[in-house]
Amino acid sequence: MAMVLNDPSMYEFTGGSPPTESQLRDRYHHLAVGWSPDRSERWCNWVVRTHADPQALGAVQATVWADRAQVAWEVGPPWQGRGVATEAAGAVLVWLLTEGVTVVEATIHPEHAASQRVAERIGLRATLEEDDGEVVWRLPRA
């Protein structure tokens, strides 16, 4: 993931800058535990790769609380626009639903058209809600 997250353009909508190797190691060490300290949140993280190439293309993550989850995706610039995020995020959405999650959300910067398209393609819809300046997208209830 270091090569994916090393591109400054990855932070256009989220802010910040590429993490150092030490920061990235600490981040993944923390997330690899899989749970918040009080076990109220489950942290699920997947590195996105293809069958043909083991190189990381991006990542998908889900934070799960009982029957609700918040999802996020990131794909490196060389692989953007190829359906990678849609396929990966869609697979995570299906997994979450099979795990009993009934509410799935993502927060997306209002100007991040590519992430909005991913959200639409996996079935999320924009709401009128905002969270820290980002639009809340949610899977409509059946």
N, C-alpha and C. Protein backbone atom coordinates (compact mmCIF):
# COMPACT_ATOMS: atom_id res chain seq x y z
N MET A 1 0.81 -1.20 0.00
CA MET A 1 0.00 0.00 0.00
C MET A 1 0.85 1.26 0.00
N ALA A 2 2.11 1.13 0.37
CA ALA A 2 2.97 2.32 0.42
C ALA A 2 3.02 3.01 -0.94
N MET A 3 3.13 2.24 -2.02
CA MET A 3 3.21 2.85 -3.35
C MET A 3 1.89 3.53 -3.71
N VAL A 4 0.76 2.95 -3.33
CA VAL A 4 -0.54 3.56 -3.63
C VAL A 4 -0.70 4.86 -2.85
N LEU A 5 -0.39 4.83 -1.58
CA LEU A 5 -0.62 5.98 -0.71
C LEU A 5 0.47 7.03 -0.78
N ASN A 6 1.51 6.79 -1.55
CA ASN A 6 2.61 7.73 -1.69
C ASN A 6 2.31 8.86 -2.68
N ASP A 7 1.25 8.73 -3.46
CA ASP A 7 0.91 9.74 -4.46
C ASP A 7 0.13 10.88 -3.80
N PRO A 8 0.66 12.11 -3.84
CA PRO A 8 -0.02 13.24 -3.20
C PRO A 8 -1.44 13.48 -3.71
N SER A 9 -1.75 13.08 -4.94
CA SER A 9 -3.10 13.29 -5.47
C SER A 9 -4.16 12.48 -4.71
N MET A 10 -3.73 11.46 -3.97
CA MET A 10 -4.66 10.66 -3.18
C MET A 10 -5.30 11.48 -2.05
N TYR A 11 -4.76 12.65 -1.76
CA TYR A 11 -5.21 13.45 -0.62
C TYR A 11 -5.93 14.72 -1.05
N GLU A 12 -6.29 14.79 -2.34
CA GLU A 12 -6.95 15.98 -2.88
C GLU A 12 -8.24 16.31 -2.13
N PHE A 13 -9.04 15.31 -1.81
CA PHE A 13 -10.32 15.56 -1.17
C PHE A 13 -10.32 15.29 0.33
N THR A 14 -9.38 14.52 0.80
CA THR A 14 -9.36 14.17 2.22
C THR A 14 -8.38 15.03 3.02
N GLY A 15 -7.48 15.69 2.32
CA GLY A 15 -6.46 16.48 3.00
C GLY A 15 -5.33 15.60 3.47
N GLY A 16 -4.33 16.22 4.02
CA GLY A 16 -3.18 15.47 4.51
C GLY A 16 -2.15 15.27 3.42
N SER A 17 -1.23 14.38 3.71
CA SER A 17 -0.14 14.11 2.78
C SER A 17 0.25 12.64 2.92
N PRO A 18 1.06 12.15 1.99
CA PRO A 18 1.46 10.74 2.07
C PRO A 18 2.12 10.41 3.40
N PRO A 19 1.76 9.26 3.98
CA PRO A 19 2.36 8.87 5.25
C PRO A 19 3.80 8.41 5.06
N THR A 20 4.58 8.56 6.09
CA THR A 20 5.94 8.00 6.07
C THR A 20 5.81 6.48 6.23
N GLU A 21 6.89 5.78 5.98
CA GLU A 21 6.87 4.33 6.15
C GLU A 21 6.52 3.96 7.58
N SER A 22 7.06 4.69 8.53
CA SER A 22 6.78 4.43 9.94
C SER A 22 5.31 4.69 10.28
N GLN A 23 4.75 5.78 9.76
CA GLN A 23 3.34 6.09 10.01
C GLN A 23 2.44 5.01 9.41
N LEU A 24 2.77 4.56 8.22
CA LEU A 24 1.97 3.53 7.56
C LEU A 24 2.05 2.21 8.33
N ARG A 25 3.24 1.86 8.77
CA ARG A 25 3.40 0.64 9.57
C ARG A 25 2.57 0.72 10.84
N ASP A 26 2.61 1.87 11.52
CA ASP A 26 1.84 2.06 12.75
C ASP A 26 0.33 1.98 12.47
N ARG A 27 -0.09 2.59 11.36
CA ARG A 27 -1.51 2.57 10.99
C ARG A 27 -2.00 1.13 10.81
N TYR A 28 -1.27 0.35 10.03
CA TYR A 28 -1.71 -1.02 9.76
C TYR A 28 -1.55 -1.93 10.98
N HIS A 29 -0.57 -1.66 11.80
CA HIS A 29 -0.43 -2.42 13.04
C HIS A 29 -1.65 -2.19 13.93
N HIS A 30 -2.09 -0.95 14.01
CA HIS A 30 -3.27 -0.58 14.80
C HIS A 30 -4.53 -1.23 14.23
N LEU A 31 -4.73 -1.16 12.91
CA LEU A 31 -5.93 -1.70 12.28
C LEU A 31 -5.97 -3.22 12.26
N ALA A 32 -4.81 -3.85 12.23
CA ALA A 32 -4.74 -5.31 12.14
C ALA A 32 -5.36 -5.99 13.36
N VAL A 33 -5.49 -5.27 14.46
CA VAL A 33 -6.13 -5.82 15.66
C VAL A 33 -7.57 -6.22 15.32
N GLY A 34 -8.22 -5.43 14.45
CA GLY A 34 -9.56 -5.77 13.98
C GLY A 34 -10.70 -5.24 14.82
N TRP A 35 -10.41 -4.69 15.99
CA TRP A 35 -11.46 -4.19 16.88
C TRP A 35 -10.97 -2.93 17.59
N SER A 36 -11.93 -2.06 17.93
CA SER A 36 -11.60 -0.93 18.80
C SER A 36 -11.28 -1.48 20.18
N PRO A 37 -10.58 -0.71 21.01
CA PRO A 37 -10.21 -1.21 22.34
C PRO A 37 -11.41 -1.70 23.17
N ASP A 38 -12.58 -1.04 23.02
CA ASP A 38 -13.75 -1.47 23.79
C ASP A 38 -14.60 -2.49 23.03
N ARG A 39 -14.13 -2.91 21.86
CA ARG A 39 -14.77 -3.92 21.02
C ARG A 39 -16.16 -3.50 20.51
N SER A 40 -16.43 -2.20 20.51
CA SER A 40 -17.71 -1.71 19.99
C SER A 40 -17.66 -1.54 18.47
N GLU A 41 -16.46 -1.47 17.91
CA GLU A 41 -16.28 -1.32 16.46
C GLU A 41 -15.43 -2.45 15.94
N ARG A 42 -15.86 -3.02 14.82
CA ARG A 42 -15.05 -4.02 14.14
C ARG A 42 -14.41 -3.33 12.93
N TRP A 43 -13.10 -3.48 12.78
CA TRP A 43 -12.38 -2.85 11.68
C TRP A 43 -12.02 -3.90 10.64
N CYS A 44 -12.61 -3.77 9.47
CA CYS A 44 -12.38 -4.71 8.38
C CYS A 44 -11.64 -3.98 7.27
N ASN A 45 -10.52 -4.52 6.85
CA ASN A 45 -9.68 -3.88 5.84
C ASN A 45 -9.21 -4.90 4.82
N TRP A 46 -9.33 -4.54 3.54
CA TRP A 46 -8.90 -5.42 2.47
C TRP A 46 -7.99 -4.65 1.51
N VAL A 47 -6.90 -5.26 1.14
CA VAL A 47 -6.04 -4.70 0.10
C VAL A 47 -6.59 -5.21 -1.23
N VAL A 48 -6.73 -4.31 -2.20
CA VAL A 48 -7.28 -4.66 -3.51
C VAL A 48 -6.14 -5.02 -4.44
N ARG A 49 -6.25 -6.20 -5.05
CA ARG A 49 -5.27 -6.70 -6.02
C ARG A 49 -6.01 -7.39 -7.15
N THR A 50 -5.30 -7.72 -8.20
CA THR A 50 -5.91 -8.53 -9.26
C THR A 50 -5.33 -9.94 -9.17
N HIS A 51 -5.99 -10.87 -9.84
CA HIS A 51 -5.47 -12.24 -9.87
C HIS A 51 -4.13 -12.30 -10.60
N ALA A 52 -3.98 -11.44 -11.59
CA ALA A 52 -2.78 -11.49 -12.42
C ALA A 52 -1.57 -10.80 -11.79
N ASP A 53 -1.82 -9.88 -10.86
CA ASP A 53 -0.72 -9.07 -10.33
C ASP A 53 -0.91 -8.91 -8.82
N PRO A 54 0.03 -9.37 -8.02
CA PRO A 54 -0.12 -9.25 -6.56
C PRO A 54 0.11 -7.84 -6.02
N GLN A 55 0.49 -6.90 -6.88
CA GLN A 55 0.72 -5.53 -6.44
C GLN A 55 -0.57 -4.91 -5.92
N ALA A 56 -0.49 -4.17 -4.84
CA ALA A 56 -1.66 -3.49 -4.28
C ALA A 56 -2.11 -2.39 -5.23
N LEU A 57 -3.42 -2.37 -5.50
CA LEU A 57 -4.02 -1.33 -6.33
C LEU A 57 -4.74 -0.29 -5.47
N GLY A 58 -5.14 -0.73 -4.27
CA GLY A 58 -5.89 0.15 -3.38
C GLY A 58 -6.36 -0.63 -2.18
N ALA A 59 -7.38 -0.09 -1.52
CA ALA A 59 -7.92 -0.75 -0.32
C ALA A 59 -9.39 -0.39 -0.15
N VAL A 60 -10.09 -1.27 0.54
CA VAL A 60 -11.48 -1.02 0.94
C VAL A 60 -11.54 -1.29 2.43
N GLN A 61 -12.29 -0.48 3.14
CA GLN A 61 -12.40 -0.66 4.57
C GLN A 61 -13.86 -0.52 5.00
N ALA A 62 -14.18 -1.20 6.07
CA ALA A 62 -15.51 -1.09 6.66
C ALA A 62 -15.35 -1.05 8.17
N THR A 63 -15.99 -0.07 8.79
CA THR A 63 -16.09 -0.03 10.23
C THR A 63 -17.51 -0.48 10.55
N VAL A 64 -17.62 -1.52 11.38
CA VAL A 64 -18.92 -2.15 11.63
C VAL A 64 -19.29 -2.00 13.09
N TRP A 65 -20.51 -1.55 13.31
CA TRP A 65 -21.12 -1.48 14.63
C TRP A 65 -22.42 -2.29 14.56
N ALA A 66 -22.48 -3.42 15.19
CA ALA A 66 -23.68 -4.28 15.21
C ALA A 66 -24.25 -4.43 13.80
N ASP A 67 -25.36 -3.74 13.49
CA ASP A 67 -26.00 -3.92 12.17
C ASP A 67 -25.78 -2.72 11.24
N ARG A 68 -24.78 -1.88 11.55
CA ARG A 68 -24.49 -0.69 10.73
C ARG A 68 -23.02 -0.67 10.37
N ALA A 69 -22.72 -0.20 9.16
CA ALA A 69 -21.32 -0.12 8.73
C ALA A 69 -21.08 1.14 7.92
N GLN A 70 -19.86 1.64 8.03
CA GLN A 70 -19.41 2.74 7.19
C GLN A 70 -18.27 2.20 6.33
N VAL A 71 -18.38 2.41 5.02
CA VAL A 71 -17.39 1.89 4.10
C VAL A 71 -16.61 3.03 3.44
N ALA A 72 -15.40 2.70 3.00
CA ALA A 72 -14.55 3.65 2.28
C ALA A 72 -13.68 2.87 1.33
N TRP A 73 -13.25 3.52 0.27
CA TRP A 73 -12.40 2.87 -0.72
C TRP A 73 -11.37 3.88 -1.21
N GLU A 74 -10.24 3.36 -1.64
CA GLU A 74 -9.18 4.18 -2.23
C GLU A 74 -8.43 3.32 -3.24
N VAL A 75 -8.21 3.89 -4.40
CA VAL A 75 -7.51 3.19 -5.48
C VAL A 75 -6.46 4.13 -6.02
N GLY A 76 -5.26 3.62 -6.22
CA GLY A 76 -4.16 4.43 -6.72
C GLY A 76 -4.45 5.00 -8.11
N PRO A 77 -3.93 6.19 -8.40
CA PRO A 77 -4.18 6.86 -9.68
C PRO A 77 -3.96 6.00 -10.93
N PRO A 78 -2.92 5.15 -11.01
CA PRO A 78 -2.77 4.37 -12.24
C PRO A 78 -3.93 3.42 -12.53
N TRP A 79 -4.72 3.08 -11.50
CA TRP A 79 -5.79 2.09 -11.67
C TRP A 79 -7.18 2.72 -11.57
N GLN A 80 -7.25 4.02 -11.39
CA GLN A 80 -8.54 4.69 -11.30
C GLN A 80 -9.23 4.70 -12.66
N GLY A 81 -10.56 4.71 -12.62
CA GLY A 81 -11.34 4.77 -13.85
C GLY A 81 -11.48 3.44 -14.57
N ARG A 82 -11.11 2.35 -13.91
CA ARG A 82 -11.16 1.01 -14.52
C ARG A 82 -12.17 0.09 -13.84
N GLY A 83 -12.96 0.63 -12.94
CA GLY A 83 -13.95 -0.18 -12.25
C GLY A 83 -13.43 -0.93 -11.04
N VAL A 84 -12.17 -0.70 -10.69
CA VAL A 84 -11.54 -1.42 -9.57
C VAL A 84 -12.26 -1.10 -8.26
N ALA A 85 -12.48 0.18 -7.98
CA ALA A 85 -13.14 0.57 -6.73
C ALA A 85 -14.57 0.06 -6.69
N THR A 86 -15.27 0.13 -7.80
CA THR A 86 -16.65 -0.35 -7.85
C THR A 86 -16.72 -1.84 -7.56
N GLU A 87 -15.86 -2.61 -8.18
CA GLU A 87 -15.88 -4.06 -7.95
C GLU A 87 -15.52 -4.39 -6.50
N ALA A 88 -14.49 -3.76 -5.98
CA ALA A 88 -14.06 -4.05 -4.62
C ALA A 88 -15.08 -3.59 -3.59
N ALA A 89 -15.58 -2.37 -3.73
CA ALA A 89 -16.56 -1.86 -2.77
C ALA A 89 -17.86 -2.66 -2.87
N GLY A 90 -18.23 -3.05 -4.07
CA GLY A 90 -19.44 -3.88 -4.24
C GLY A 90 -19.30 -5.22 -3.56
N ALA A 91 -18.13 -5.83 -3.64
CA ALA A 91 -17.90 -7.12 -2.98
C ALA A 91 -17.99 -6.96 -1.47
N VAL A 92 -17.45 -5.88 -0.93
CA VAL A 92 -17.53 -5.63 0.51
C VAL A 92 -18.98 -5.40 0.93
N LEU A 93 -19.73 -4.67 0.13
CA LEU A 93 -21.14 -4.43 0.42
C LEU A 93 -21.91 -5.76 0.52
N VAL A 94 -21.70 -6.64 -0.44
CA VAL A 94 -22.36 -7.95 -0.42
C VAL A 94 -21.96 -8.71 0.84
N TRP A 95 -20.68 -8.70 1.17
CA TRP A 95 -20.21 -9.39 2.37
C TRP A 95 -20.88 -8.83 3.61
N LEU A 96 -20.95 -7.50 3.71
CA LEU A 96 -21.58 -6.87 4.88
C LEU A 96 -23.03 -7.31 5.02
N LEU A 97 -23.76 -7.33 3.92
CA LEU A 97 -25.16 -7.73 3.96
C LEU A 97 -25.32 -9.18 4.40
N THR A 98 -24.40 -10.05 3.96
CA THR A 98 -24.48 -11.45 4.39
C THR A 98 -24.10 -11.61 5.86
N GLU A 99 -23.39 -10.63 6.40
CA GLU A 99 -23.01 -10.64 7.82
C GLU A 99 -24.10 -10.04 8.71
N GLY A 100 -25.22 -9.64 8.12
CA GLY A 100 -26.32 -9.11 8.91
C GLY A 100 -26.36 -7.60 9.05
N VAL A 101 -25.47 -6.91 8.38
CA VAL A 101 -25.49 -5.44 8.42
C VAL A 101 -26.69 -4.96 7.61
N THR A 102 -27.46 -4.03 8.16
CA THR A 102 -28.65 -3.54 7.46
C THR A 102 -28.53 -2.09 7.02
N VAL A 103 -27.59 -1.34 7.61
CA VAL A 103 -27.37 0.05 7.23
C VAL A 103 -25.92 0.19 6.79
N VAL A 104 -25.72 0.61 5.54
CA VAL A 104 -24.38 0.81 5.00
C VAL A 104 -24.28 2.25 4.52
N GLU A 105 -23.23 2.92 4.98
CA GLU A 105 -23.02 4.32 4.64
C GLU A 105 -21.60 4.56 4.16
N ALA A 106 -21.45 5.65 3.43
CA ALA A 106 -20.13 6.18 3.08
C ALA A 106 -20.24 7.68 3.15
N THR A 107 -19.16 8.35 3.52
CA THR A 107 -19.14 9.82 3.47
C THR A 107 -18.20 10.22 2.35
N ILE A 108 -18.68 11.10 1.49
CA ILE A 108 -17.93 11.46 0.28
C ILE A 108 -17.89 12.98 0.13
N HIS A 109 -16.71 13.48 -0.16
CA HIS A 109 -16.53 14.92 -0.40
C HIS A 109 -17.49 15.34 -1.52
N PRO A 110 -18.18 16.48 -1.37
CA PRO A 110 -19.18 16.88 -2.37
C PRO A 110 -18.63 17.12 -3.77
N GLU A 111 -17.31 17.27 -3.91
CA GLU A 111 -16.73 17.48 -5.24
C GLU A 111 -16.01 16.24 -5.77
N HIS A 112 -16.07 15.15 -5.06
CA HIS A 112 -15.35 13.93 -5.48
C HIS A 112 -16.27 13.07 -6.36
N ALA A 113 -16.36 13.47 -7.63
CA ALA A 113 -17.29 12.83 -8.58
C ALA A 113 -16.98 11.34 -8.77
N ALA A 114 -15.72 10.96 -8.79
CA ALA A 114 -15.38 9.55 -9.00
C ALA A 114 -15.91 8.68 -7.87
N SER A 115 -15.74 9.11 -6.63
CA SER A 115 -16.26 8.33 -5.50
C SER A 115 -17.79 8.33 -5.49
N GLN A 116 -18.38 9.43 -5.91
CA GLN A 116 -19.85 9.47 -6.01
C GLN A 116 -20.34 8.43 -7.02
N ARG A 117 -19.64 8.29 -8.13
CA ARG A 117 -20.03 7.28 -9.13
C ARG A 117 -19.90 5.87 -8.57
N VAL A 118 -18.83 5.61 -7.82
CA VAL A 118 -18.66 4.30 -7.19
C VAL A 118 -19.84 4.04 -6.26
N ALA A 119 -20.16 5.01 -5.42
CA ALA A 119 -21.28 4.86 -4.48
C ALA A 119 -22.58 4.55 -5.22
N GLU A 120 -22.85 5.30 -6.27
CA GLU A 120 -24.08 5.06 -7.05
C GLU A 120 -24.10 3.67 -7.65
N ARG A 121 -22.97 3.24 -8.19
CA ARG A 121 -22.91 1.93 -8.85
C ARG A 121 -23.08 0.76 -7.90
N ILE A 122 -22.73 0.95 -6.63
CA ILE A 122 -22.92 -0.16 -5.68
C ILE A 122 -24.26 -0.03 -4.95
N GLY A 123 -25.04 0.97 -5.31
CA GLY A 123 -26.39 1.07 -4.77
C GLY A 123 -26.60 2.08 -3.67
N LEU A 124 -25.57 2.82 -3.27
CA LEU A 124 -25.74 3.85 -2.25
C LEU A 124 -26.38 5.08 -2.89
N ARG A 125 -27.10 5.84 -2.09
CA ARG A 125 -27.73 7.07 -2.58
C ARG A 125 -27.36 8.22 -1.66
N ALA A 126 -27.15 9.39 -2.25
CA ALA A 126 -26.82 10.58 -1.47
C ALA A 126 -28.00 10.97 -0.59
N THR A 127 -27.70 11.39 0.63
CA THR A 127 -28.74 11.89 1.53
C THR A 127 -28.54 13.40 1.66
N LEU A 128 -29.38 14.02 2.43
CA LEU A 128 -29.23 15.45 2.71
C LEU A 128 -28.35 15.67 3.94
N GLU A 129 -27.85 14.57 4.52
CA GLU A 129 -27.01 14.65 5.71
C GLU A 129 -25.56 14.91 5.33
N GLU A 130 -24.87 15.57 6.25
CA GLU A 130 -23.43 15.80 6.09
C GLU A 130 -22.71 15.36 7.35
N ASP A 131 -21.47 14.96 7.17
CA ASP A 131 -20.61 14.58 8.28
C ASP A 131 -19.25 15.22 8.02
N ASP A 132 -18.90 16.21 8.81
CA ASP A 132 -17.62 16.91 8.68
C ASP A 132 -17.40 17.42 7.25
N GLY A 133 -18.45 18.01 6.66
CA GLY A 133 -18.35 18.60 5.34
C GLY A 133 -18.51 17.62 4.18
N GLU A 134 -18.68 16.34 4.49
CA GLU A 134 -18.88 15.34 3.44
C GLU A 134 -20.34 14.89 3.42
N VAL A 135 -20.81 14.52 2.24
CA VAL A 135 -22.18 14.05 2.08
C VAL A 135 -22.26 12.59 2.53
N VAL A 136 -23.30 12.28 3.30
CA VAL A 136 -23.53 10.90 3.71
C VAL A 136 -24.32 10.20 2.61
N TRP A 137 -23.77 9.09 2.15
CA TRP A 137 -24.42 8.23 1.16
C TRP A 137 -24.87 6.98 1.90
N ARG A 138 -26.06 6.47 1.57
CA ARG A 138 -26.59 5.34 2.32
C ARG A 138 -27.30 4.36 1.38
N LEU A 139 -27.19 3.10 1.72
CA LEU A 139 -27.93 2.06 1.00
C LEU A 139 -29.39 2.21 1.37
N PRO A 140 -30.28 2.41 0.40
CA PRO A 140 -31.70 2.54 0.74
C PRO A 140 -32.23 1.24 1.37
N ARG A 141 -33.10 1.40 2.33
CA ARG A 141 -33.72 0.22 2.96
C ARG A 141 -34.73 -0.38 1.99
N ALA A 142 -34.79 -1.69 1.99
CA ALA A 142 -35.71 -2.39 1.07
C ALA A 142 -37.15 -2.21 1.51
